[in-house]
N, C-alpha and C. Protein backbone atom coordinates (compact mmCIF):
# COMPACT_ATOMS: atom_id res chain seq x y z
N MET A 1 21.31 27.69 71.42
CA MET A 1 22.25 26.42 72.58
C MET A 1 20.79 26.11 73.24
N ARG A 2 20.10 26.85 73.65
CA ARG A 2 18.05 25.86 74.74
C ARG A 2 17.79 25.44 74.09
N ARG A 3 18.01 25.53 73.12
CA ARG A 3 16.60 24.80 72.19
C ARG A 3 17.19 23.55 71.42
N THR A 4 18.12 23.30 71.35
CA THR A 4 19.02 23.07 70.76
C THR A 4 19.09 21.08 71.94
N VAL A 5 19.39 21.59 72.88
CA VAL A 5 19.39 19.97 73.23
C VAL A 5 17.93 19.63 74.02
N PRO A 6 17.31 20.41 74.48
CA PRO A 6 15.81 19.45 74.04
C PRO A 6 15.56 18.86 73.68
N LEU A 7 15.99 19.13 71.93
CA LEU A 7 15.08 19.04 70.38
C LEU A 7 16.11 16.74 70.90
N ALA A 8 17.45 17.44 70.76
CA ALA A 8 18.59 16.29 71.06
C ALA A 8 18.55 15.14 71.84
N LEU A 9 17.90 15.39 72.72
CA LEU A 9 17.03 14.44 74.35
C LEU A 9 16.39 13.64 73.89
N ALA A 10 15.18 14.59 73.20
CA ALA A 10 13.57 14.03 72.18
C ALA A 10 14.02 12.91 71.31
N ALA A 11 14.91 12.91 70.89
CA ALA A 11 15.45 12.69 69.39
C ALA A 11 15.85 11.01 69.62
N VAL A 12 16.71 11.30 71.03
CA VAL A 12 17.89 9.94 71.60
C VAL A 12 16.56 8.95 72.54
N ALA A 13 16.13 9.56 72.91
CA ALA A 13 14.73 9.33 73.35
C ALA A 13 13.83 8.33 72.76
N LEU A 14 13.25 8.88 71.41
CA LEU A 14 12.65 8.04 70.60
C LEU A 14 13.01 7.44 69.63
N ALA A 15 14.83 7.20 69.66
CA ALA A 15 15.32 6.28 68.87
C ALA A 15 15.36 5.07 69.68
N LEU A 16 15.24 5.02 71.09
CA LEU A 16 15.70 3.55 71.99
C LEU A 16 14.43 2.77 72.84
N GLY A 17 13.33 4.42 72.29
CA GLY A 17 12.28 3.70 73.11
C GLY A 17 11.80 3.32 71.69
N MET A 18 11.92 3.03 70.61
CA MET A 18 11.23 2.50 69.55
C MET A 18 11.65 1.03 68.98
N PRO A 19 11.05 -0.08 69.03
CA PRO A 19 12.20 -1.38 68.77
C PRO A 19 13.36 -1.47 67.13
N SER A 20 13.96 -2.57 67.27
CA SER A 20 15.04 -2.61 66.28
C SER A 20 13.89 -3.10 64.58
N ALA A 21 14.57 -3.26 64.00
CA ALA A 21 14.23 -4.29 62.48
C ALA A 21 14.04 -5.23 63.20
N ALA A 22 15.44 -6.09 63.16
CA ALA A 22 15.68 -7.53 63.95
C ALA A 22 15.18 -7.55 64.96
N GLU A 23 14.19 -7.74 65.83
CA GLU A 23 14.07 -8.05 67.15
C GLU A 23 14.41 -9.69 66.81
N ALA A 24 14.72 -10.15 67.07
CA ALA A 24 14.19 -12.15 68.00
C ALA A 24 12.95 -12.87 68.05
N ARG A 25 12.54 -13.32 67.63
CA ARG A 25 11.55 -13.95 67.31
C ARG A 25 11.14 -15.46 67.72
N GLN A 26 11.21 -16.81 68.40
CA GLN A 26 11.33 -17.61 68.27
C GLN A 26 9.50 -17.95 68.33
N CYS A 27 10.82 -19.12 67.22
CA CYS A 27 9.39 -19.79 66.08
C CYS A 27 9.31 -21.24 66.64
N GLY A 28 9.54 -22.16 68.36
CA GLY A 28 8.42 -23.81 67.68
C GLY A 28 10.12 -24.57 67.95
N THR A 29 9.97 -25.50 67.60
CA THR A 29 10.70 -26.99 67.19
C THR A 29 10.35 -27.74 66.71
N VAL A 30 11.35 -27.61 65.67
CA VAL A 30 11.15 -29.01 64.40
C VAL A 30 11.81 -30.44 64.79
N LYS A 31 11.57 -31.51 63.86
CA LYS A 31 12.33 -32.36 64.27
C LYS A 31 12.77 -33.25 62.93
N ALA A 32 14.22 -33.34 63.53
CA ALA A 32 15.19 -33.62 62.31
C ALA A 32 16.30 -34.50 62.52
N GLU A 33 16.24 -35.48 62.00
CA GLU A 33 18.33 -36.59 61.84
C GLU A 33 16.96 -37.02 63.39
N GLY A 34 15.85 -36.78 64.05
CA GLY A 34 14.85 -37.77 65.06
C GLY A 34 15.71 -37.09 66.40
N ASN A 35 15.63 -36.09 66.27
CA ASN A 35 16.58 -35.03 67.25
C ASN A 35 15.22 -33.61 67.53
N LYS A 36 15.20 -33.36 68.21
CA LYS A 36 14.46 -31.50 67.92
C LYS A 36 15.07 -30.16 68.83
N TYR A 37 14.73 -29.58 67.43
CA TYR A 37 15.59 -28.69 67.10
C TYR A 37 15.49 -26.96 67.63
N ALA A 38 15.42 -26.30 68.03
CA ALA A 38 14.69 -25.05 68.58
C ALA A 38 14.75 -23.91 67.19
N VAL A 39 13.82 -23.24 66.86
CA VAL A 39 13.63 -22.05 65.98
C VAL A 39 14.41 -20.87 66.73
N SER A 40 14.44 -20.02 65.80
CA SER A 40 15.25 -18.53 66.01
C SER A 40 15.51 -16.99 64.97
N GLY A 41 15.07 -16.70 64.53
CA GLY A 41 15.55 -15.85 64.11
C GLY A 41 14.95 -14.19 63.75
N SER A 42 15.48 -13.40 63.26
CA SER A 42 15.25 -12.03 63.11
C SER A 42 13.93 -12.01 62.89
N ASP A 43 12.92 -10.65 63.20
CA ASP A 43 11.40 -10.51 63.31
C ASP A 43 11.40 -10.50 62.17
N ASN A 44 11.79 -9.89 60.98
CA ASN A 44 11.14 -9.34 60.30
C ASN A 44 11.93 -11.41 58.77
N VAL A 45 11.82 -12.54 59.20
CA VAL A 45 12.02 -13.52 58.28
C VAL A 45 10.64 -14.32 58.86
N GLY A 46 9.35 -15.04 58.25
CA GLY A 46 8.43 -15.41 58.38
C GLY A 46 8.65 -16.98 59.75
N CYS A 47 8.68 -17.32 60.16
CA CYS A 47 8.41 -19.27 60.80
C CYS A 47 8.33 -19.34 60.51
N ARG A 48 7.26 -20.07 59.30
CA ARG A 48 7.08 -20.37 58.65
C ARG A 48 8.33 -20.98 57.39
N PHE A 49 8.73 -19.62 57.33
CA PHE A 49 10.01 -20.33 55.88
C PHE A 49 11.14 -20.90 57.24
N MET A 50 11.40 -19.91 59.12
CA MET A 50 12.72 -20.65 59.00
C MET A 50 12.23 -21.77 59.27
N ARG A 51 11.29 -22.49 59.99
CA ARG A 51 10.86 -23.88 60.89
C ARG A 51 11.03 -24.72 58.86
N LYS A 52 10.44 -24.31 57.90
CA LYS A 52 11.47 -25.27 56.93
C LYS A 52 12.87 -25.17 56.02
N TRP A 53 13.25 -24.95 56.20
CA TRP A 53 14.45 -24.06 55.81
C TRP A 53 15.18 -25.07 56.85
N SER A 54 15.11 -24.98 58.22
CA SER A 54 16.32 -24.99 59.52
C SER A 54 16.20 -26.54 59.53
N ARG A 55 15.07 -26.92 59.16
CA ARG A 55 14.88 -29.47 58.95
C ARG A 55 15.67 -28.86 57.68
N ARG A 56 16.36 -28.50 56.23
CA ARG A 56 16.76 -29.18 55.37
C ARG A 56 17.45 -28.43 55.59
N VAL A 57 18.46 -27.50 55.85
CA VAL A 57 20.14 -27.32 56.77
C VAL A 57 20.62 -28.37 57.57
N VAL A 58 19.50 -28.42 58.03
CA VAL A 58 19.96 -29.62 59.32
C VAL A 58 20.34 -31.19 58.88
N ARG A 59 19.08 -31.17 58.27
CA ARG A 59 19.89 -33.20 56.79
C ARG A 59 20.54 -32.66 55.89
N GLY A 60 21.23 -31.34 55.93
CA GLY A 60 21.74 -31.52 54.76
C GLY A 60 21.44 -31.09 53.31
N ASP A 61 20.27 -30.74 53.04
CA ASP A 61 19.81 -30.74 52.17
C ASP A 61 19.87 -29.14 51.66
N GLY A 62 20.91 -28.38 51.74
CA GLY A 62 21.21 -27.12 50.49
C GLY A 62 19.93 -26.55 51.90
N HIS A 63 19.77 -24.97 51.55
CA HIS A 63 19.78 -23.51 51.93
C HIS A 63 19.32 -22.75 50.99
N PRO A 64 18.51 -22.12 51.52
CA PRO A 64 17.19 -20.94 50.38
C PRO A 64 19.15 -20.33 49.62
N ARG A 65 17.88 -20.05 48.58
CA ARG A 65 18.68 -19.55 47.32
C ARG A 65 19.11 -18.19 48.01
N LYS A 66 20.48 -17.56 46.88
CA LYS A 66 21.15 -16.41 48.03
C LYS A 66 21.35 -15.88 49.71
N TRP A 67 21.18 -17.44 50.10
CA TRP A 67 21.14 -17.23 51.57
C TRP A 67 22.27 -18.45 51.75
N LYS A 68 23.21 -17.56 52.97
CA LYS A 68 24.53 -18.25 53.32
C LYS A 68 24.10 -18.94 54.97
N CYS A 69 24.98 -20.41 55.12
CA CYS A 69 24.60 -21.12 56.20
C CYS A 69 25.64 -21.99 56.55
N GLU A 70 25.25 -22.01 57.85
CA GLU A 70 26.84 -22.86 58.54
C GLU A 70 26.14 -23.97 59.28
N ARG A 71 26.38 -25.08 59.50
CA ARG A 71 25.88 -26.26 60.02
C ARG A 71 27.09 -26.75 61.13
N GLY A 72 26.68 -26.88 62.86
CA GLY A 72 26.86 -27.21 63.94
C GLY A 72 26.76 -28.34 64.24
N ALA A 73 27.68 -29.10 64.94
CA ALA A 73 27.58 -30.64 65.58
C ALA A 73 26.09 -30.62 65.82
N PHE A 74 25.70 -29.32 67.20
CA PHE A 74 24.75 -29.38 67.51
C PHE A 74 23.61 -27.81 67.45
N SER A 75 24.09 -26.70 66.43
CA SER A 75 22.85 -25.97 66.04
C SER A 75 23.85 -25.38 64.38
N GLY A 76 23.23 -24.44 64.13
CA GLY A 76 23.42 -24.30 62.39
C GLY A 76 22.86 -22.95 62.34
N GLY A 77 22.67 -21.70 61.59
CA GLY A 77 22.69 -20.81 61.62
C GLY A 77 22.59 -20.15 60.08
N CYS A 78 22.10 -19.24 59.28
CA CYS A 78 21.11 -19.36 58.03
C CYS A 78 21.07 -17.55 57.85
N HIS A 79 21.98 -16.35 56.81
CA HIS A 79 22.04 -15.13 57.16
C HIS A 79 22.04 -14.70 56.20
N ARG A 80 21.23 -13.60 55.68
CA ARG A 80 21.87 -13.07 54.23
C ARG A 80 21.16 -11.69 54.70
N GLY A 81 21.52 -10.66 53.44
CA GLY A 81 22.00 -9.46 53.35
C GLY A 81 23.30 -8.71 54.34
N GLU A 82 22.72 -6.80 54.15
CA GLU A 82 24.43 -5.61 54.64
C GLU A 82 23.99 -6.20 56.35
N GLY A 83 25.17 -6.85 56.93
CA GLY A 83 24.94 -6.45 58.43
C GLY A 83 24.08 -7.96 59.38
N PHE A 84 24.01 -8.44 58.44
CA PHE A 84 23.33 -9.86 58.77
C PHE A 84 22.01 -9.76 59.41
N THR A 85 21.37 -8.26 58.76
CA THR A 85 20.02 -7.94 58.97
C THR A 85 18.80 -9.15 59.43
N ARG A 86 18.56 -10.51 58.51
CA ARG A 86 17.95 -11.42 58.05
C ARG A 86 19.14 -12.35 58.69
N LYS A 87 18.25 -13.07 59.53
CA LYS A 87 19.08 -14.45 60.15
C LYS A 87 18.08 -15.48 60.42
N PHE A 88 18.38 -16.43 60.87
CA PHE A 88 18.11 -17.72 61.99
C PHE A 88 18.63 -18.09 62.73
N PHE A 89 18.25 -18.90 63.38
CA PHE A 89 19.30 -20.26 63.57
C PHE A 89 18.22 -21.52 63.91
N THR A 90 19.29 -22.28 64.35
CA THR A 90 18.64 -23.98 64.39
C THR A 90 19.60 -25.17 65.76
N TYR A 91 18.59 -24.30 67.18
CA TYR A 91 19.99 -24.82 67.80
C TYR A 91 18.57 -26.48 68.67
N ARG A 92 19.80 -27.00 68.92
CA ARG A 92 19.81 -28.03 70.35
C ARG A 92 19.18 -28.07 71.40
N PRO A 93 17.97 -27.51 72.03
CA PRO A 93 18.19 -26.89 73.32
C PRO A 93 18.68 -28.02 74.27
N PRO A 94 18.52 -28.00 75.43
CA PRO A 94 19.59 -28.78 76.72
C PRO A 94 18.70 -29.45 77.20
N SER A 95 18.65 -30.39 77.20
CA SER A 95 17.57 -31.00 77.86
C SER A 95 16.89 -31.70 79.10
């Protein structure tokens, strides 16, 4: 028992200290439909991909293959994969 407690504590500390696979990434802004939109998403999706498809989703030109996208009045978002591990968002920042 005395040996398992330090091992368990070390495992928990290691898991909490490591960054997750889907951390947020800020990718700047894109211009579409005369407005500027901020783009952010998970760390495992490239900024170039997110900016390209954010413009298209806002304009209503479609979405990436095998991705599910939703578009609101001032924002939109796309996701793919189990548990939404790959995702990106487009939103109009407050002026």
